[in-house]
PDB file of N, CA and C in Angstrom:
ATOM      1  N   UNK A   1      -8.977  -0.070   4.195  1.00  0.00           N
ATOM      2  CA  UNK A   1      -8.078   0.438   4.836  1.00  0.00           C
ATOM      3  C   UNK A   1      -8.300   1.638   3.332  1.00  0.00           C
ATOM      4  N   UNK A   2      -8.004   2.958   4.155  1.00  0.00           N
ATOM      5  CA  UNK A   2      -7.959   4.346   3.516  1.00  0.00           C
ATOM      6  C   UNK A   2      -6.478   4.631   3.636  1.00  0.00           C
ATOM      7  N   UNK A   3      -5.874   5.291   2.872  1.00  0.00           N
ATOM      8  CA  UNK A   3      -4.422   5.160   3.089  1.00  0.00           C
ATOM      9  C   UNK A   3      -4.304   6.624   2.268  1.00  0.00           C
ATOM     10  N   UNK A   4      -4.163   8.321   2.711  1.00  0.00           N
ATOM     11  CA  UNK A   4      -4.711   9.222   2.028  1.00  0.00           C
ATOM     12  C   UNK A   4      -3.602  10.152   2.245  1.00  0.00           C
ATOM     13  N   UNK A   5      -2.617  10.604   0.734  1.00  0.00           N
ATOM     14  CA  UNK A   5      -2.043  12.032   1.589  1.00  0.00           C
ATOM     15  C   UNK A   5      -3.445  12.990   1.722  1.00  0.00           C
ATOM     16  N   UNK A   6      -2.344  13.891   2.090  1.00  0.00           N
ATOM     17  CA  UNK A   6      -3.027  15.142   2.601  1.00  0.00           C
ATOM     18  C   UNK A   6      -2.651  16.298   2.398  1.00  0.00           C
ATOM     19  N   UNK A   7      -3.165  17.539   2.740  1.00  0.00           N
ATOM     20  CA  UNK A   7      -2.601  18.986   2.319  1.00  0.00           C
ATOM     21  C   UNK A   7      -3.289  19.085   3.571  1.00  0.00           C
ATOM     22  N   UNK A   8      -2.487  20.965   3.775  1.00  0.00           N
ATOM     23  CA  UNK A   8      -3.508  21.655   4.874  1.00  0.00           C
ATOM     24  C   UNK A   8      -3.127  21.655   6.031  1.00  0.00           C
ATOM     25  N   UNK A   9      -3.651  21.962   6.993  1.00  0.00           N
ATOM     26  CA  UNK A   9      -3.450  22.110   8.473  1.00  0.00           C
ATOM     27  C   UNK A   9      -3.835  20.709   8.844  1.00  0.00           C
ATOM     28  N   UNK A  10      -3.095  20.372   9.959  1.00  0.00           N
ATOM     29  CA  UNK A  10      -2.920  19.096  10.701  1.00  0.00           C
ATOM     30  C   UNK A  10      -1.454  18.588  11.463  1.00  0.00           C
ATOM     31  N   UNK A  11      -0.646  19.787  11.338  1.00  0.00           N
ATOM     32  CA  UNK A  11       0.803  19.147  11.535  1.00  0.00           C
ATOM     33  C   UNK A  11       1.471  18.526  10.088  1.00  0.00           C
ATOM     34  N   UNK A  12       0.923  18.430   8.866  1.00  0.00           N
ATOM     35  CA  UNK A  12       1.371  17.523   8.327  1.00  0.00           C
ATOM     36  C   UNK A  12       2.450  19.051   7.011  1.00  0.00           C
ATOM     37  N   UNK A  13       3.523  18.356   7.131  1.00  0.00           N
ATOM     38  CA  UNK A  13       4.431  19.420   5.925  1.00  0.00           C
ATOM     39  C   UNK A  13       3.909  19.368   4.413  1.00  0.00           C
ATOM     40  N   UNK A  14       2.910  21.071   4.357  1.00  0.00           N
ATOM     41  CA  UNK A  14       3.254  20.849   2.702  1.00  0.00           C
ATOM     42  C   UNK A  14       3.974  20.739   1.809  1.00  0.00           C
ATOM     43  N   UNK A  15       5.346  21.268   1.935  1.00  0.00           N
ATOM     44  CA  UNK A  15       6.109  20.792   0.835  1.00  0.00           C
ATOM     45  C   UNK A  15       6.547  19.527   0.819  1.00  0.00           C
ATOM     46  N   UNK A  16       6.556  18.819   1.610  1.00  0.00           N
ATOM     47  CA  UNK A  16       6.622  17.364   1.669  1.00  0.00           C
ATOM     48  C   UNK A  16       5.575  16.838   0.997  1.00  0.00           C
ATOM     49  N   UNK A  17       4.289  17.303   1.160  1.00  0.00           N
ATOM     50  CA  UNK A  17       2.609  16.725   0.735  1.00  0.00           C
ATOM     51  C   UNK A  17       3.075  17.045  -0.845  1.00  0.00           C
ATOM     52  N   UNK A  18       3.394  18.414  -1.070  1.00  0.00           N
ATOM     53  CA  UNK A  18       3.297  18.706  -2.530  1.00  0.00           C
ATOM     54  C   UNK A  18       4.259  17.591  -3.323  1.00  0.00           C
ATOM     55  N   UNK A  19       5.555  17.864  -3.021  1.00  0.00           N
ATOM     56  CA  UNK A  19       6.849  16.426  -3.228  1.00  0.00           C
ATOM     57  C   UNK A  19       6.349  15.155  -3.824  1.00  0.00           C
ATOM     58  N   UNK A  20       5.514  14.673  -2.706  1.00  0.00           N
ATOM     59  CA  UNK A  20       5.055  13.538  -3.082  1.00  0.00           C
ATOM     60  C   UNK A  20       3.665  13.364  -4.020  1.00  0.00           C
ATOM     61  N   UNK A  21       3.156  14.357  -3.942  1.00  0.00           N
ATOM     62  CA  UNK A  21       1.671  14.412  -5.203  1.00  0.00           C
ATOM     63  C   UNK A  21       2.791  14.902  -6.620  1.00  0.00           C
ATOM     64  N   UNK A  22       4.346  15.461  -6.495  1.00  0.00           N
ATOM     65  CA  UNK A  22       4.531  15.563  -8.250  1.00  0.00           C
ATOM     66  C   UNK A  22       4.864  14.156  -8.609  1.00  0.00           C
ATOM     67  N   UNK A  23       5.675  13.671  -7.407  1.00  0.00           N
ATOM     68  CA  UNK A  23       6.090  12.090  -7.699  1.00  0.00           C
ATOM     69  C   UNK A  23       5.359  11.499  -8.494  1.00  0.00           C
ATOM     70  N   UNK A  24       4.276  10.870  -7.538  1.00  0.00           N
ATOM     71  CA  UNK A  24       3.220  10.287  -8.137  1.00  0.00           C
ATOM     72  C   UNK A  24       2.606  10.402  -9.705  1.00  0.00           C
ATOM     73  N   UNK A  25       2.307  12.194  -9.639  1.00  0.00           N
ATOM     74  CA  UNK A  25       2.324  12.481 -11.382  1.00  0.00           C
ATOM     75  C   UNK A  25       3.067  12.187 -12.187  1.00  0.00           C
ATOM     76  N   UNK A  26       4.218  12.460 -11.868  1.00  0.00           N
ATOM     77  CA  UNK A  26       5.556  11.956 -13.242  1.00  0.00           C
ATOM     78  C   UNK A  26       5.486  10.982 -13.470  1.00  0.00           C
ATOM     79  N   UNK A  27       5.007   9.756 -12.135  1.00  0.00           N
ATOM     80  CA  UNK A  27       5.073   8.568 -12.941  1.00  0.00           C
ATOM     81  C   UNK A  27       3.503   8.067 -13.483  1.00  0.00           C
ATOM     82  N   UNK A  28       2.672   9.139 -13.724  1.00  0.00           N
ATOM     83  CA  UNK A  28       1.907   8.539 -14.208  1.00  0.00           C
ATOM     84  C   UNK A  28       0.522   8.204 -13.231  1.00  0.00           C
ATOM     85  N   UNK A  29       0.657   8.278 -11.833  1.00  0.00           N
ATOM     86  CA  UNK A  29      -0.213   7.817 -10.986  1.00  0.00           C
ATOM     87  C   UNK A  29      -0.960   9.391 -10.204  1.00  0.00           C
ATOM     88  N   UNK A  30      -2.710   9.342 -11.091  1.00  0.00           N
ATOM     89  CA  UNK A  30      -3.224  10.176 -10.248  1.00  0.00           C
ATOM     90  C   UNK A  30      -3.611  10.227  -9.096  1.00  0.00           C
ATOM     91  N   UNK A  31      -3.848  11.276  -8.433  1.00  0.00           N
ATOM     92  CA  UNK A  31      -4.379  11.144  -7.148  1.00  0.00           C
ATOM     93  C   UNK A  31      -5.070  12.705  -6.631  1.00  0.00           C
ATOM     94  N   UNK A  32      -5.500  12.314  -5.349  1.00  0.00           N
ATOM     95  CA  UNK A  32      -5.988  13.912  -5.080  1.00  0.00           C
ATOM     96  C   UNK A  32      -5.722  14.235  -3.615  1.00  0.00           C
ATOM     97  N   UNK A  33      -5.032  15.211  -2.968  1.00  0.00           N
ATOM     98  CA  UNK A  33      -4.528  15.159  -1.833  1.00  0.00           C
ATOM     99  C   UNK A  33      -5.899  15.771  -1.122  1.00  0.00           C
ATOM    100  N   UNK A  34      -6.439  15.384   0.162  1.00  0.00           N
ATOM    101  CA  UNK A  34      -7.610  15.652   0.801  1.00  0.00           C
ATOM    102  C   UNK A  34      -7.188  16.010   2.384  1.00  0.00           C
ATOM    103  N   UNK A  35      -8.204  17.027   3.171  1.00  0.00           N
ATOM    104  CA  UNK A  35      -7.945  17.377   4.385  1.00  0.00           C
ATOM    105  C   UNK A  35      -8.403  15.860   5.315  1.00  0.00           C
ATOM    106  N   UNK A  36      -7.827  15.910   6.288  1.00  0.00           N
ATOM    107  CA  UNK A  36      -8.536  14.778   7.269  1.00  0.00           C
ATOM    108  C   UNK A  36     -10.059  14.973   6.943  1.00  0.00           C
ATOM    109  N   UNK A  37     -10.613  16.473   7.277  1.00  0.00           N
ATOM    110  CA  UNK A  37     -11.981  16.201   7.212  1.00  0.00           C
ATOM    111  C   UNK A  37     -12.720  15.902   5.804  1.00  0.00           C
ATOM    112  N   UNK A  38     -12.210  15.872   4.884  1.00  0.00           N
ATOM    113  CA  UNK A  38     -12.464  15.588   3.657  1.00  0.00           C
ATOM    114  C   UNK A  38     -12.795  13.560   3.677  1.00  0.00           C
ATOM    115  N   UNK A  39     -11.382  13.259   4.267  1.00  0.00           N
ATOM    116  CA  UNK A  39     -10.764  11.921   4.420  1.00  0.00           C
ATOM    117  C   UNK A  39     -12.173  11.217   5.711  1.00  0.00           C
ATOM    118  N   UNK A  40     -12.669  12.197   6.737  1.00  0.00           N
ATOM    119  CA  UNK A  40     -13.319  12.245   7.337  1.00  0.00           C
ATOM    120  C   UNK A  40     -14.875  11.267   6.549  1.00  0.00           C
ATOM    121  N   UNK A  41     -15.036  12.190   5.747  1.00  0.00           N
ATOM    122  CA  UNK A  41     -16.682  12.410   5.192  1.00  0.00           C
ATOM    123  C   UNK A  41     -16.827  10.638   4.066  1.00  0.00           C
ATOM    124  N   UNK A  42     -15.417  10.046   3.965  1.00  0.00           N
ATOM    125  CA  UNK A  42     -15.406   8.306   3.488  1.00  0.00           C
ATOM    126  C   UNK A  42     -16.302   7.492   4.782  1.00  0.00           C
ATOM    127  N   UNK A  43     -16.281   7.799   5.527  1.00  0.00           N
ATOM    128  CA  UNK A  43     -16.776   6.938   6.817  1.00  0.00           C
ATOM    129  C   UNK A  43     -18.160   7.171   7.139  1.00  0.00           C
ATOM    130  N   UNK A  44     -18.554   8.223   6.539  1.00  0.00           N
ATOM    131  CA  UNK A  44     -19.873   8.180   7.384  1.00  0.00           C
ATOM    132  C   UNK A  44     -20.847   6.772   6.943  1.00  0.00           C
ATOM    133  N   UNK A  45     -21.490   6.822   7.929  1.00  0.00           N
ATOM    134  CA  UNK A  45     -22.566   5.300   8.244  1.00  0.00           C
ATOM    135  C   UNK A  45     -21.446   4.367   8.432  1.00  0.00           C
ATOM    136  N   UNK A  46     -20.246   4.512   8.935  1.00  0.00           N
ATOM    137  CA  UNK A  46     -19.137   3.335   9.130  1.00  0.00           C
ATOM    138  C   UNK A  46     -18.871   3.374  11.091  1.00  0.00           C
ATOM    139  N   UNK A  47     -18.332   2.454  11.191  1.00  0.00           N
ATOM    140  CA  UNK A  47     -18.073   2.358  12.898  1.00  0.00           C
ATOM    141  C   UNK A  47     -16.503   2.656  12.390  1.00  0.00           C
ATOM    142  N   UNK A  48     -15.652   3.472  12.650  1.00  0.00           N
ATOM    143  CA  UNK A  48     -14.169   3.389  12.866  1.00  0.00           C
ATOM    144  C   UNK A  48     -13.592   2.594  13.733  1.00  0.00           C
ATOM    145  N   UNK A  49     -12.820   1.674  13.284  1.00  0.00           N
ATOM    146  CA  UNK A  49     -11.705   0.951  14.056  1.00  0.00           C
ATOM    147  C   UNK A  49     -11.125   1.773  14.909  1.00  0.00           C
ATOM    148  N   UNK A  50     -10.783   1.367  16.296  1.00  0.00           N
ATOM    149  CA  UNK A  50      -9.433   2.243  16.872  1.00  0.00           C
ATOM    150  C   UNK A  50      -8.198   1.946  16.656  1.00  0.00           C
ATOM    151  N   UNK A  51      -7.617   3.249  16.276  1.00  0.00           N
ATOM    152  CA  UNK A  51      -7.358   4.233  16.755  1.00  0.00           C
ATOM    153  C   UNK A  51      -8.447   5.246  16.289  1.00  0.00           C
ATOM    154  N   UNK A  52      -9.231   5.208  14.522  1.00  0.00           N
ATOM    155  CA  UNK A  52      -9.703   6.063  13.867  1.00  0.00           C
ATOM    156  C   UNK A  52      -8.446   6.559  13.146  1.00  0.00           C
ATOM    157  N   UNK A  53      -9.017   8.211  12.917  1.00  0.00           N
ATOM    158  CA  UNK A  53      -7.978   8.576  11.409  1.00  0.00           C
ATOM    159  C   UNK A  53      -7.095   8.675  12.204  1.00  0.00           C
ATOM    160  N   UNK A  54      -5.857   8.529  11.917  1.00  0.00           N
ATOM    161  CA  UNK A  54      -4.719   8.936  12.585  1.00  0.00           C
ATOM    162  C   UNK A  54      -3.616   9.041  11.599  1.00  0.00           C
ATOM    163  N   UNK A  55      -2.505   9.455  12.017  1.00  0.00           N
ATOM    164  CA  UNK A  55      -1.110   9.849  10.814  1.00  0.00           C
ATOM    165  C   UNK A  55      -0.488   8.400  10.710  1.00  0.00           C
ATOM    166  N   UNK A  56      -0.414   7.605   9.326  1.00  0.00           N
ATOM    167  CA  UNK A  56       0.103   6.843   8.499  1.00  0.00           C
ATOM    168  C   UNK A  56       0.776   5.638   9.821  1.00  0.00           C
ATOM    169  N   UNK A  57       2.227   6.213  10.425  1.00  0.00           N
ATOM    170  CA  UNK A  57       2.634   5.910  11.135  1.00  0.00           C
ATOM    171  C   UNK A  57       2.265   5.720  12.983  1.00  0.00           C
ATOM    172  N   UNK A  58       1.170   6.300  13.138  1.00  0.00           N
ATOM    173  CA  UNK A  58       0.864   6.055  14.408  1.00  0.00           C
ATOM    174  C   UNK A  58      -0.504   5.175  14.504  1.00  0.00           C
ATOM    175  N   UNK A  59      -1.412   4.786  13.267  1.00  0.00           N
ATOM    176  CA  UNK A  59      -2.203   3.556  13.820  1.00  0.00           C
ATOM    177  C   UNK A  59      -1.243   2.220  13.943  1.00  0.00           C
ATOM    178  N   UNK A  60      -1.619   1.998  15.099  1.00  0.00           N
ATOM    179  CA  UNK A  60      -1.360   0.645  15.764  1.00  0.00           C
ATOM    180  C   UNK A  60       0.022   0.641  15.482  1.00  0.00           C
ATOM    181  N   UNK A  61       1.206   1.223  15.447  1.00  0.00           N
ATOM    182  CA  UNK A  61       2.466   0.623  15.265  1.00  0.00           C
ATOM    183  C   UNK A  61       2.879  -0.452  16.226  1.00  0.00           C
ATOM    184  N   UNK A  62       3.263  -0.998  15.892  1.00  0.00           N
ATOM    185  CA  UNK A  62       3.552  -1.978  16.646  1.00  0.00           C
ATOM    186  C   UNK A  62       5.049  -2.705  17.564  1.00  0.00           C
ATOM    187  N   UNK A  63       5.720  -1.330  17.758  1.00  0.00           N
ATOM    188  CA  UNK A  63       6.738  -1.432  17.738  1.00  0.00           C
ATOM    189  C   UNK A  63       7.035   0.162  17.766  1.00  0.00           C
ATOM    190  N   UNK A  64       8.704   0.308  18.484  1.00  0.00           N
ATOM    191  CA  UNK A  64       9.053   2.055  18.807  1.00  0.00           C
ATOM    192  C   UNK A  64       9.623   2.156  17.056  1.00  0.00           C
ATOM    193  N   UNK A  65       9.055   1.213  16.064  1.00  0.00           N
ATOM    194  CA  UNK A  65       9.899   1.818  14.863  1.00  0.00           C
ATOM    195  C   UNK A  65       9.637   3.071  14.264  1.00  0.00           C
ATOM    196  N   UNK A  66       8.945   3.990  14.910  1.00  0.00           N
ATOM    197  CA  UNK A  66       8.874   4.874  14.283  1.00  0.00           C
ATOM    198  C   UNK A  66       9.706   6.270  14.988  1.00  0.00           C
ATOM    199  N   UNK A  67      10.498   5.825  15.843  1.00  0.00           N
ATOM    200  CA  UNK A  67      11.330   6.502  16.289  1.00  0.00           C
ATOM    201  C   UNK A  67      11.182   8.240  16.298  1.00  0.00           C
ATOM    202  N   UNK A  68      11.834   8.743  15.793  1.00  0.00           N
ATOM    203  CA  UNK A  68      11.400  10.249  15.746  1.00  0.00           C
ATOM    204  C   UNK A  68      11.283  10.683  14.619  1.00  0.00           C
ATOM    205  N   UNK A  69      10.082   9.930  13.266  1.00  0.00           N
ATOM    206  CA  UNK A  69       9.521  10.229  12.484  1.00  0.00           C
ATOM    207  C   UNK A  69       8.245  11.521  12.903  1.00  0.00           C
ATOM    208  N   UNK A  70       7.871  12.353  12.387  1.00  0.00           N
ATOM    209  CA  UNK A  70       7.270  13.575  12.794  1.00  0.00           C
ATOM    210  C   UNK A  70       5.793  13.267  11.867  1.00  0.00           C
ATOM    211  N   UNK A  71       4.784  13.617  12.122  1.00  0.00           N
ATOM    212  CA  UNK A  71       3.464  13.433  11.162  1.00  0.00           C
ATOM    213  C   UNK A  71       3.876  13.894   9.973  1.00  0.00           C
ATOM    214  N   UNK A  72       4.270  15.296  10.074  1.00  0.00           N
ATOM    215  CA  UNK A  72       5.047  15.907   8.699  1.00  0.00           C
ATOM    216  C   UNK A  72       5.688  15.355   7.673  1.00  0.00           C
ATOM    217  N   UNK A  73       6.715  14.822   7.998  1.00  0.00           N
ATOM    218  CA  UNK A  73       7.123  13.691   7.116  1.00  0.00           C
ATOM    219  C   UNK A  73       6.536  12.367   6.627  1.00  0.00           C
ATOM    220  N   UNK A  74       5.263  12.442   7.372  1.00  0.00           N
ATOM    221  CA  UNK A  74       4.360  11.023   6.876  1.00  0.00           C
ATOM    222  C   UNK A  74       3.548  11.836   6.198  1.00  0.00           C
ATOM    223  N   UNK A  75       2.656  12.702   6.050  1.00  0.00           N
ATOM    224  CA  UNK A  75       2.136  13.253   5.841  1.00  0.00           C
ATOM    225  C   UNK A  75       0.909  12.542   5.032  1.00  0.00           C
ATOM    226  N   UNK A  76       0.299  11.519   5.611  1.00  0.00           N
ATOM    227  CA  UNK A  76      -0.592  10.363   5.248  1.00  0.00           C
ATOM    228  C   UNK A  76      -1.512  10.018   6.323  1.00  0.00           C
ATOM    229  N   UNK A  77      -2.926  10.183   6.033  1.00  0.00           N
ATOM    230  CA  UNK A  77      -3.614   9.521   7.103  1.00  0.00           C
ATOM    231  C   UNK A  77      -3.936   8.289   6.781  1.00  0.00           C
ATOM    232  N   UNK A  78      -4.418   7.251   8.102  1.00  0.00           N
ATOM    233  CA  UNK A  78      -4.872   6.125   7.937  1.00  0.00           C
ATOM    234  C   UNK A  78      -6.337   5.673   8.839  1.00  0.00           C
ATOM    235  N   UNK A  79      -6.903   4.382   8.411  1.00  0.00           N
ATOM    236  CA  UNK A  79      -7.846   4.244   8.882  1.00  0.00           C
ATOM    237  C   UNK A  79      -8.745   3.094   8.911  1.00  0.00           C
ATOM    238  N   UNK A  80     -10.122   2.393   9.141  1.00  0.00           N
ATOM    239  CA  UNK A  80     -10.537   1.482   8.812  1.00  0.00           C
ATOM    240  C   UNK A  80     -11.938   1.507   9.681  1.00  0.00           C
ATOM    241  N   UNK A  81     -12.712   1.854   8.554  1.00  0.00           N
ATOM    242  CA  UNK A  81     -14.303   2.009   8.614  1.00  0.00           C
ATOM    243  C   UNK A  81     -14.912  -0.059   8.811  1.00  0.00           C
ATOM    244  N   UNK A  82     -16.071  -0.059   9.598  1.00  0.00           N
ATOM    245  CA  UNK A  82     -16.902  -1.498   9.635  1.00  0.00           C
ATOM    246  C   UNK A  82     -18.279  -0.705   9.035  1.00  0.00           C
ATOM    247  N   UNK A  83     -18.518  -1.463   8.271  1.00  0.00           N
ATOM    248  CA  UNK A  83     -19.951  -1.264   8.117  1.00  0.00           C
ATOM    249  C   UNK A  83     -20.972  -1.755   9.681  1.00  0.00           C
ATOM    250  N   UNK A  84     -22.072  -0.783   9.892  1.00  0.00           N
ATOM    251  CA  UNK A  84     -22.591  -1.174  10.837  1.00  0.00           C
ATOM    252  C   UNK A  84     -23.574  -2.090  11.102  1.00  0.00           C
TER     253      UNK A  84
END
């Protein structure tokens, strides 16, 4: 499974993403923000498990717990790929 922060277009809030990145870096946690397209390249040659690359809180939610959370507030994608 890949869970990745993202930047740029796609409905994610750039300010929230930058704040999260700074918070990680301030704790010595390295990371790289990527666009959805950059994340998709990690799955080249794999079969994506439904529902594919989605905002983290929308990837197979078990209940209505996501409530009013927006994609912009989460600013991360999740996906699972299987070897063909």
